[in-house]
């Protein structure tokens, strides 16, 4: 059996010393959104949500994908991996 995929959003959040609730409040999204993204239980997130999270985590705008429109669903695991690469 393959190990479950890892999603570095929780690692980045913890490095910033933020709780899930604090990140959700800072990003203006629901706590459940942060939980689902960290747990890998959602396949898509809108650009607007991911932009809010990257802003709350202080990821520079030029390091996050900006070619998608605000209502376009994105492949969340690959986008979170991109955020992690920007932070490392």
PDB file of N, CA and C in Angstrom:
ATOM      1  N   UNK A   1       0.841  -1.178   0.000  1.00  0.00           N
ATOM      2  CA  UNK A   1       0.000   0.000   0.000  1.00  0.00           C
ATOM      3  C   UNK A   1       0.889   1.245   0.000  1.00  0.00           C
ATOM      4  N   UNK A   2       0.565   2.214  -0.845  1.00  0.00           N
ATOM      5  CA  UNK A   2       1.335   3.454  -0.921  1.00  0.00           C
ATOM      6  C   UNK A   2       1.072   4.317   0.303  1.00  0.00           C
ATOM      7  N   UNK A   3       2.105   5.002   0.793  1.00  0.00           N
ATOM      8  CA  UNK A   3       1.887   5.916   1.914  1.00  0.00           C
ATOM      9  C   UNK A   3       1.025   7.090   1.458  1.00  0.00           C
ATOM     10  N   UNK A   4       0.274   7.701   2.370  1.00  0.00           N
ATOM     11  CA  UNK A   4      -0.556   8.840   1.979  1.00  0.00           C
ATOM     12  C   UNK A   4       0.331  10.008   1.548  1.00  0.00           C
ATOM     13  N   UNK A   5      -0.153  10.810   0.587  1.00  0.00           N
ATOM     14  CA  UNK A   5       0.653  11.943   0.147  1.00  0.00           C
ATOM     15  C   UNK A   5       0.793  12.957   1.280  1.00  0.00           C
ATOM     16  N   UNK A   6       1.906  13.657   1.286  1.00  0.00           N
ATOM     17  CA  UNK A   6       2.107  14.676   2.310  1.00  0.00           C
ATOM     18  C   UNK A   6       1.762  16.043   1.743  1.00  0.00           C
ATOM     19  N   UNK A   7       1.166  16.862   2.552  1.00  0.00           N
ATOM     20  CA  UNK A   7       0.781  18.201   2.159  1.00  0.00           C
ATOM     21  C   UNK A   7       1.468  19.177   3.100  1.00  0.00           C
ATOM     22  N   UNK A   8       2.406  19.958   2.591  1.00  0.00           N
ATOM     23  CA  UNK A   8       3.245  20.785   3.448  1.00  0.00           C
ATOM     24  C   UNK A   8       2.577  22.029   4.016  1.00  0.00           C
ATOM     25  N   UNK A   9       1.313  22.266   3.725  1.00  0.00           N
ATOM     26  CA  UNK A   9       0.660  23.458   4.248  1.00  0.00           C
ATOM     27  C   UNK A   9       0.739  23.500   5.767  1.00  0.00           C
ATOM     28  N   UNK A  10       0.516  22.381   6.433  1.00  0.00           N
ATOM     29  CA  UNK A  10       0.580  22.340   7.896  1.00  0.00           C
ATOM     30  C   UNK A  10       1.987  22.671   8.376  1.00  0.00           C
ATOM     31  N   UNK A  11       2.995  22.191   7.677  1.00  0.00           N
ATOM     32  CA  UNK A  11       4.378  22.466   8.057  1.00  0.00           C
ATOM     33  C   UNK A  11       4.677  23.958   7.956  1.00  0.00           C
ATOM     34  N   UNK A  12       4.257  24.563   6.875  1.00  0.00           N
ATOM     35  CA  UNK A  12       4.481  25.997   6.688  1.00  0.00           C
ATOM     36  C   UNK A  12       3.736  26.781   7.764  1.00  0.00           C
ATOM     37  N   UNK A  13       2.486  26.401   8.011  1.00  0.00           N
ATOM     38  CA  UNK A  13       1.676  27.082   9.033  1.00  0.00           C
ATOM     39  C   UNK A  13       2.345  26.990  10.397  1.00  0.00           C
ATOM     40  N   UNK A  14       2.828  25.808  10.737  1.00  0.00           N
ATOM     41  CA  UNK A  14       3.470  25.616  12.041  1.00  0.00           C
ATOM     42  C   UNK A  14       4.782  26.394  12.144  1.00  0.00           C
ATOM     43  N   UNK A  15       5.535  26.485  11.050  1.00  0.00           N
ATOM     44  CA  UNK A  15       6.768  27.279  11.049  1.00  0.00           C
ATOM     45  C   UNK A  15       6.478  28.750  11.334  1.00  0.00           C
ATOM     46  N   UNK A  16       5.296  29.190  10.910  1.00  0.00           N
ATOM     47  CA  UNK A  16       4.874  30.575  11.150  1.00  0.00           C
ATOM     48  C   UNK A  16       4.224  30.731  12.524  1.00  0.00           C
ATOM     49  N   UNK A  17       4.167  29.622  13.293  1.00  0.00           N
ATOM     50  CA  UNK A  17       3.582  29.608  14.630  1.00  0.00           C
ATOM     51  C   UNK A  17       2.108  30.016  14.627  1.00  0.00           C
ATOM     52  N   UNK A  18       1.383  29.532  13.616  1.00  0.00           N
ATOM     53  CA  UNK A  18      -0.049  29.808  13.500  1.00  0.00           C
ATOM     54  C   UNK A  18      -0.852  28.539  13.753  1.00  0.00           C
ATOM     55  N   UNK A  19      -1.956  28.678  14.451  1.00  0.00           N
ATOM     56  CA  UNK A  19      -2.896  27.568  14.567  1.00  0.00           C
ATOM     57  C   UNK A  19      -3.744  27.553  13.298  1.00  0.00           C
ATOM     58  N   UNK A  20      -4.485  26.468  13.097  1.00  0.00           N
ATOM     59  CA  UNK A  20      -5.395  26.418  11.947  1.00  0.00           C
ATOM     60  C   UNK A  20      -6.404  27.553  12.039  1.00  0.00           C
ATOM     61  N   UNK A  21      -6.921  27.795  13.244  1.00  0.00           N
ATOM     62  CA  UNK A  21      -7.910  28.856  13.446  1.00  0.00           C
ATOM     63  C   UNK A  21      -7.313  30.229  13.124  1.00  0.00           C
ATOM     64  N   UNK A  22      -6.077  30.468  13.578  1.00  0.00           N
ATOM     65  CA  UNK A  22      -5.431  31.753  13.317  1.00  0.00           C
ATOM     66  C   UNK A  22      -5.206  31.963  11.823  1.00  0.00           C
ATOM     67  N   UNK A  23      -4.759  30.922  11.130  1.00  0.00           N
ATOM     68  CA  UNK A  23      -4.559  31.030   9.683  1.00  0.00           C
ATOM     69  C   UNK A  23      -5.883  31.280   8.975  1.00  0.00           C
ATOM     70  N   UNK A  24      -6.915  30.569   9.373  1.00  0.00           N
ATOM     71  CA  UNK A  24      -8.236  30.761   8.770  1.00  0.00           C
ATOM     72  C   UNK A  24      -8.719  32.200   8.977  1.00  0.00           C
ATOM     73  N   UNK A  25      -8.560  32.716  10.193  1.00  0.00           N
ATOM     74  CA  UNK A  25      -8.969  34.095  10.474  1.00  0.00           C
ATOM     75  C   UNK A  25      -8.158  35.087   9.661  1.00  0.00           C
ATOM     76  N   UNK A  26      -6.847  34.890   9.612  1.00  0.00           N
ATOM     77  CA  UNK A  26      -5.963  35.793   8.876  1.00  0.00           C
ATOM     78  C   UNK A  26      -6.274  35.783   7.377  1.00  0.00           C
ATOM     79  N   UNK A  27      -6.586  34.595   6.853  1.00  0.00           N
ATOM     80  CA  UNK A  27      -6.871  34.459   5.421  1.00  0.00           C
ATOM     81  C   UNK A  27      -8.323  34.786   5.074  1.00  0.00           C
ATOM     82  N   UNK A  28      -9.186  34.838   6.083  1.00  0.00           N
ATOM     83  CA  UNK A  28     -10.592  35.119   5.815  1.00  0.00           C
ATOM     84  C   UNK A  28     -11.328  33.942   5.199  1.00  0.00           C
ATOM     85  N   UNK A  29     -10.904  32.729   5.565  1.00  0.00           N
ATOM     86  CA  UNK A  29     -11.562  31.522   5.063  1.00  0.00           C
ATOM     87  C   UNK A  29     -12.070  30.712   6.253  1.00  0.00           C
ATOM     88  N   UNK A  30     -12.886  29.742   5.983  1.00  0.00           N
ATOM     89  CA  UNK A  30     -13.430  28.892   7.040  1.00  0.00           C
ATOM     90  C   UNK A  30     -12.336  27.984   7.610  1.00  0.00           C
ATOM     91  N   UNK A  31     -12.432  27.716   8.893  1.00  0.00           N
ATOM     92  CA  UNK A  31     -11.512  26.794   9.546  1.00  0.00           C
ATOM     93  C   UNK A  31     -11.522  25.440   8.842  1.00  0.00           C
ATOM     94  N   UNK A  32     -12.698  24.994   8.427  1.00  0.00           N
ATOM     95  CA  UNK A  32     -12.804  23.703   7.739  1.00  0.00           C
ATOM     96  C   UNK A  32     -12.021  23.698   6.423  1.00  0.00           C
ATOM     97  N   UNK A  33     -11.902  24.846   5.781  1.00  0.00           N
ATOM     98  CA  UNK A  33     -11.123  24.938   4.542  1.00  0.00           C
ATOM     99  C   UNK A  33      -9.657  24.619   4.818  1.00  0.00           C
ATOM    100  N   UNK A  34      -9.120  25.204   5.874  1.00  0.00           N
ATOM    101  CA  UNK A  34      -7.721  24.944   6.234  1.00  0.00           C
ATOM    102  C   UNK A  34      -7.539  23.469   6.584  1.00  0.00           C
ATOM    103  N   UNK A  35      -8.475  22.939   7.381  1.00  0.00           N
ATOM    104  CA  UNK A  35      -8.396  21.524   7.771  1.00  0.00           C
ATOM    105  C   UNK A  35      -8.407  20.620   6.535  1.00  0.00           C
ATOM    106  N   UNK A  36      -9.340  20.850   5.633  1.00  0.00           N
ATOM    107  CA  UNK A  36      -9.458  20.002   4.444  1.00  0.00           C
ATOM    108  C   UNK A  36      -8.225  20.104   3.550  1.00  0.00           C
ATOM    109  N   UNK A  37      -7.686  21.304   3.395  1.00  0.00           N
ATOM    110  CA  UNK A  37      -6.475  21.465   2.581  1.00  0.00           C
ATOM    111  C   UNK A  37      -5.287  20.743   3.209  1.00  0.00           C
ATOM    112  N   UNK A  38      -5.124  20.891   4.518  1.00  0.00           N
ATOM    113  CA  UNK A  38      -4.003  20.234   5.192  1.00  0.00           C
ATOM    114  C   UNK A  38      -4.128  18.722   5.179  1.00  0.00           C
ATOM    115  N   UNK A  39      -5.349  18.231   5.273  1.00  0.00           N
ATOM    116  CA  UNK A  39      -5.575  16.787   5.305  1.00  0.00           C
ATOM    117  C   UNK A  39      -5.577  16.177   3.905  1.00  0.00           C
ATOM    118  N   UNK A  40      -5.551  17.018   2.873  1.00  0.00           N
ATOM    119  CA  UNK A  40      -5.587  16.513   1.506  1.00  0.00           C
ATOM    120  C   UNK A  40      -6.931  15.934   1.137  1.00  0.00           C
ATOM    121  N   UNK A  41      -7.970  16.414   1.788  1.00  0.00           N
ATOM    122  CA  UNK A  41      -9.309  15.874   1.554  1.00  0.00           C
ATOM    123  C   UNK A  41     -10.096  16.683   0.536  1.00  0.00           C
ATOM    124  N   UNK A  42      -9.455  17.626  -0.099  1.00  0.00           N
ATOM    125  CA  UNK A  42     -10.101  18.382  -1.156  1.00  0.00           C
ATOM    126  C   UNK A  42      -9.186  18.378  -2.372  1.00  0.00           C
ATOM    127  N   UNK A  43      -9.748  18.210  -3.511  1.00  0.00           N
ATOM    128  CA  UNK A  43      -8.967  18.148  -4.752  1.00  0.00           C
ATOM    129  C   UNK A  43      -8.803  19.517  -5.402  1.00  0.00           C
ATOM    130  N   UNK A  44      -9.719  20.430  -5.121  1.00  0.00           N
ATOM    131  CA  UNK A  44      -9.704  21.730  -5.785  1.00  0.00           C
ATOM    132  C   UNK A  44      -9.919  22.844  -4.771  1.00  0.00           C
ATOM    133  N   UNK A  45      -9.298  23.952  -5.029  1.00  0.00           N
ATOM    134  CA  UNK A  45      -9.542  25.173  -4.267  1.00  0.00           C
ATOM    135  C   UNK A  45      -9.522  26.316  -5.266  1.00  0.00           C
ATOM    136  N   UNK A  46     -10.288  27.345  -5.013  1.00  0.00           N
ATOM    137  CA  UNK A  46     -10.284  28.465  -5.948  1.00  0.00           C
ATOM    138  C   UNK A  46      -9.006  29.271  -5.774  1.00  0.00           C
ATOM    139  N   UNK A  47      -8.657  29.980  -6.815  1.00  0.00           N
ATOM    140  CA  UNK A  47      -7.483  30.835  -6.765  1.00  0.00           C
ATOM    141  C   UNK A  47      -7.632  31.868  -5.653  1.00  0.00           C
ATOM    142  N   UNK A  48      -8.840  32.369  -5.476  1.00  0.00           N
ATOM    143  CA  UNK A  48      -9.098  33.375  -4.442  1.00  0.00           C
ATOM    144  C   UNK A  48      -8.748  32.838  -3.054  1.00  0.00           C
ATOM    145  N   UNK A  49      -9.140  31.603  -2.755  1.00  0.00           N
ATOM    146  CA  UNK A  49      -8.850  30.988  -1.457  1.00  0.00           C
ATOM    147  C   UNK A  49      -7.351  30.768  -1.309  1.00  0.00           C
ATOM    148  N   UNK A  50      -6.707  30.212  -2.316  1.00  0.00           N
ATOM    149  CA  UNK A  50      -5.276  29.939  -2.221  1.00  0.00           C
ATOM    150  C   UNK A  50      -4.479  31.247  -2.143  1.00  0.00           C
ATOM    151  N   UNK A  51      -4.923  32.278  -2.822  1.00  0.00           N
ATOM    152  CA  UNK A  51      -4.252  33.576  -2.747  1.00  0.00           C
ATOM    153  C   UNK A  51      -4.373  34.143  -1.328  1.00  0.00           C
ATOM    154  N   UNK A  52      -5.552  34.013  -0.723  1.00  0.00           N
ATOM    155  CA  UNK A  52      -5.749  34.496   0.643  1.00  0.00           C
ATOM    156  C   UNK A  52      -4.830  33.759   1.612  1.00  0.00           C
ATOM    157  N   UNK A  53      -4.685  32.464   1.422  1.00  0.00           N
ATOM    158  CA  UNK A  53      -3.821  31.671   2.302  1.00  0.00           C
ATOM    159  C   UNK A  53      -2.356  32.038   2.088  1.00  0.00           C
ATOM    160  N   UNK A  54      -1.931  32.182   0.840  1.00  0.00           N
ATOM    161  CA  UNK A  54      -0.535  32.548   0.589  1.00  0.00           C
ATOM    162  C   UNK A  54      -0.227  33.939   1.140  1.00  0.00           C
ATOM    163  N   UNK A  55      -1.180  34.841   1.059  1.00  0.00           N
ATOM    164  CA  UNK A  55      -0.996  36.178   1.620  1.00  0.00           C
ATOM    165  C   UNK A  55      -0.869  36.103   3.135  1.00  0.00           C
ATOM    166  N   UNK A  56      -1.732  35.317   3.771  1.00  0.00           N
ATOM    167  CA  UNK A  56      -1.682  35.159   5.224  1.00  0.00           C
ATOM    168  C   UNK A  56      -0.374  34.518   5.671  1.00  0.00           C
ATOM    169  N   UNK A  57       0.207  33.668   4.828  1.00  0.00           N
ATOM    170  CA  UNK A  57       1.477  33.013   5.154  1.00  0.00           C
ATOM    171  C   UNK A  57       2.687  33.830   4.705  1.00  0.00           C
ATOM    172  N   UNK A  58       2.422  35.002   4.131  1.00  0.00           N
ATOM    173  CA  UNK A  58       3.483  35.904   3.653  1.00  0.00           C
ATOM    174  C   UNK A  58       4.330  35.302   2.549  1.00  0.00           C
ATOM    175  N   UNK A  59       3.698  34.592   1.634  1.00  0.00           N
ATOM    176  CA  UNK A  59       4.386  34.100   0.448  1.00  0.00           C
ATOM    177  C   UNK A  59       4.330  35.228  -0.578  1.00  0.00           C
ATOM    178  N   UNK A  60       5.474  35.702  -1.066  1.00  0.00           N
ATOM    179  CA  UNK A  60       5.465  36.804  -2.025  1.00  0.00           C
ATOM    180  C   UNK A  60       4.607  36.491  -3.249  1.00  0.00           C
ATOM    181  N   UNK A  61       3.853  37.483  -3.745  1.00  0.00           N
ATOM    182  CA  UNK A  61       2.955  37.249  -4.886  1.00  0.00           C
ATOM    183  C   UNK A  61       3.659  36.724  -6.122  1.00  0.00           C
ATOM    184  N   UNK A  62       4.912  37.124  -6.355  1.00  0.00           N
ATOM    185  CA  UNK A  62       5.602  36.653  -7.553  1.00  0.00           C
ATOM    186  C   UNK A  62       6.030  35.199  -7.445  1.00  0.00           C
ATOM    187  N   UNK A  63       5.854  34.568  -6.268  1.00  0.00           N
ATOM    188  CA  UNK A  63       6.206  33.170  -6.112  1.00  0.00           C
ATOM    189  C   UNK A  63       4.995  32.260  -6.106  1.00  0.00           C
ATOM    190  N   UNK A  64       3.802  32.834  -6.185  1.00  0.00           N
ATOM    191  CA  UNK A  64       2.604  32.005  -6.256  1.00  0.00           C
ATOM    192  C   UNK A  64       2.007  32.152  -7.645  1.00  0.00           C
ATOM    193  N   UNK A  65       1.363  31.089  -8.148  1.00  0.00           N
ATOM    194  CA  UNK A  65       0.831  31.137  -9.510  1.00  0.00           C
ATOM    195  C   UNK A  65      -0.182  32.263  -9.657  1.00  0.00           C
ATOM    196  N   UNK A  66      -0.055  33.055 -10.709  1.00  0.00           N
ATOM    197  CA  UNK A  66      -0.968  34.179 -10.883  1.00  0.00           C
ATOM    198  C   UNK A  66      -1.685  34.137 -12.226  1.00  0.00           C
ATOM    199  N   UNK A  67      -1.570  33.052 -12.945  1.00  0.00           N
ATOM    200  CA  UNK A  67      -2.166  33.003 -14.268  1.00  0.00           C
ATOM    201  C   UNK A  67      -3.628  32.574 -14.254  1.00  0.00           C
ATOM    202  N   UNK A  68      -4.119  32.051 -13.125  1.00  0.00           N
ATOM    203  CA  UNK A  68      -5.498  31.580 -13.064  1.00  0.00           C
ATOM    204  C   UNK A  68      -6.427  32.716 -12.671  1.00  0.00           C
ATOM    205  N   UNK A  69      -7.677  32.623 -13.121  1.00  0.00           N
ATOM    206  CA  UNK A  69      -8.679  33.599 -12.710  1.00  0.00           C
ATOM    207  C   UNK A  69      -9.225  33.208 -11.358  1.00  0.00           C
ATOM    208  N   UNK A  70      -9.902  34.131 -10.674  1.00  0.00           N
ATOM    209  CA  UNK A  70     -10.322  33.928  -9.290  1.00  0.00           C
ATOM    210  C   UNK A  70     -11.344  32.810  -9.114  1.00  0.00           C
ATOM    211  N   UNK A  71     -12.068  32.441 -10.131  1.00  0.00           N
ATOM    212  CA  UNK A  71     -13.060  31.388  -9.955  1.00  0.00           C
ATOM    213  C   UNK A  71     -12.609  30.044 -10.520  1.00  0.00           C
ATOM    214  N   UNK A  72     -11.389  29.969 -10.995  1.00  0.00           N
ATOM    215  CA  UNK A  72     -10.892  28.741 -11.593  1.00  0.00           C
ATOM    216  C   UNK A  72     -10.425  27.763 -10.519  1.00  0.00           C
ATOM    217  N   UNK A  73     -10.979  26.540 -10.493  1.00  0.00           N
ATOM    218  CA  UNK A  73     -10.468  25.572  -9.528  1.00  0.00           C
ATOM    219  C   UNK A  73      -9.059  25.142  -9.897  1.00  0.00           C
ATOM    220  N   UNK A  74      -8.214  24.996  -8.903  1.00  0.00           N
ATOM    221  CA  UNK A  74      -6.835  24.602  -9.123  1.00  0.00           C
ATOM    222  C   UNK A  74      -6.588  23.239  -8.511  1.00  0.00           C
ATOM    223  N   UNK A  75      -5.608  22.540  -9.011  1.00  0.00           N
ATOM    224  CA  UNK A  75      -5.216  21.288  -8.403  1.00  0.00           C
ATOM    225  C   UNK A  75      -4.493  21.611  -7.102  1.00  0.00           C
ATOM    226  N   UNK A  76      -5.173  21.441  -6.007  1.00  0.00           N
ATOM    227  CA  UNK A  76      -4.684  21.871  -4.704  1.00  0.00           C
ATOM    228  C   UNK A  76      -3.352  21.246  -4.313  1.00  0.00           C
ATOM    229  N   UNK A  77      -3.153  19.933  -4.413  1.00  0.00           N
ATOM    230  CA  UNK A  77      -1.854  19.381  -3.992  1.00  0.00           C
ATOM    231  C   UNK A  77      -0.670  19.998  -4.714  1.00  0.00           C
ATOM    232  N   UNK A  78      -0.777  20.217  -6.010  1.00  0.00           N
ATOM    233  CA  UNK A  78       0.357  20.798  -6.738  1.00  0.00           C
ATOM    234  C   UNK A  78       0.556  22.254  -6.365  1.00  0.00           C
ATOM    235  N   UNK A  79      -0.511  22.973  -6.089  1.00  0.00           N
ATOM    236  CA  UNK A  79      -0.383  24.363  -5.694  1.00  0.00           C
ATOM    237  C   UNK A  79       0.241  24.472  -4.311  1.00  0.00           C
ATOM    238  N   UNK A  80      -0.148  23.604  -3.390  1.00  0.00           N
ATOM    239  CA  UNK A  80       0.442  23.620  -2.054  1.00  0.00           C
ATOM    240  C   UNK A  80       1.923  23.265  -2.135  1.00  0.00           C
ATOM    241  N   UNK A  81       2.276  22.347  -3.006  1.00  0.00           N
ATOM    242  CA  UNK A  81       3.685  22.005  -3.191  1.00  0.00           C
ATOM    243  C   UNK A  81       4.454  23.220  -3.699  1.00  0.00           C
ATOM    244  N   UNK A  82       3.837  23.986  -4.588  1.00  0.00           N
ATOM    245  CA  UNK A  82       4.469  25.202  -5.104  1.00  0.00           C
ATOM    246  C   UNK A  82       4.693  26.209  -3.976  1.00  0.00           C
ATOM    247  N   UNK A  83       3.707  26.357  -3.079  1.00  0.00           N
ATOM    248  CA  UNK A  83       3.837  27.248  -1.937  1.00  0.00           C
ATOM    249  C   UNK A  83       4.994  26.787  -1.051  1.00  0.00           C
ATOM    250  N   UNK A  84       5.082  25.495  -0.831  1.00  0.00           N
ATOM    251  CA  UNK A  84       6.163  24.952   0.004  1.00  0.00           C
ATOM    252  C   UNK A  84       7.517  25.237  -0.620  1.00  0.00           C
ATOM    253  N   UNK A  85       7.630  25.082  -1.931  1.00  0.00           N
ATOM    254  CA  UNK A  85       8.899  25.362  -2.604  1.00  0.00           C
ATOM    255  C   UNK A  85       9.303  26.821  -2.427  1.00  0.00           C
ATOM    256  N   UNK A  86       8.327  27.714  -2.434  1.00  0.00           N
ATOM    257  CA  UNK A  86       8.597  29.128  -2.264  1.00  0.00           C
ATOM    258  C   UNK A  86       9.098  29.430  -0.859  1.00  0.00           C
ATOM    259  N   UNK A  87       8.662  28.640   0.117  1.00  0.00           N
ATOM    260  CA  UNK A  87       9.048  28.868   1.495  1.00  0.00           C
ATOM    261  C   UNK A  87      10.392  28.252   1.855  1.00  0.00           C
ATOM    262  N   UNK A  88      10.836  27.229   1.129  1.00  0.00           N
ATOM    263  CA  UNK A  88      12.073  26.531   1.483  1.00  0.00           C
ATOM    264  C   UNK A  88      13.307  27.200   0.964  1.00  0.00           C
TER     265      UNK A  88
END
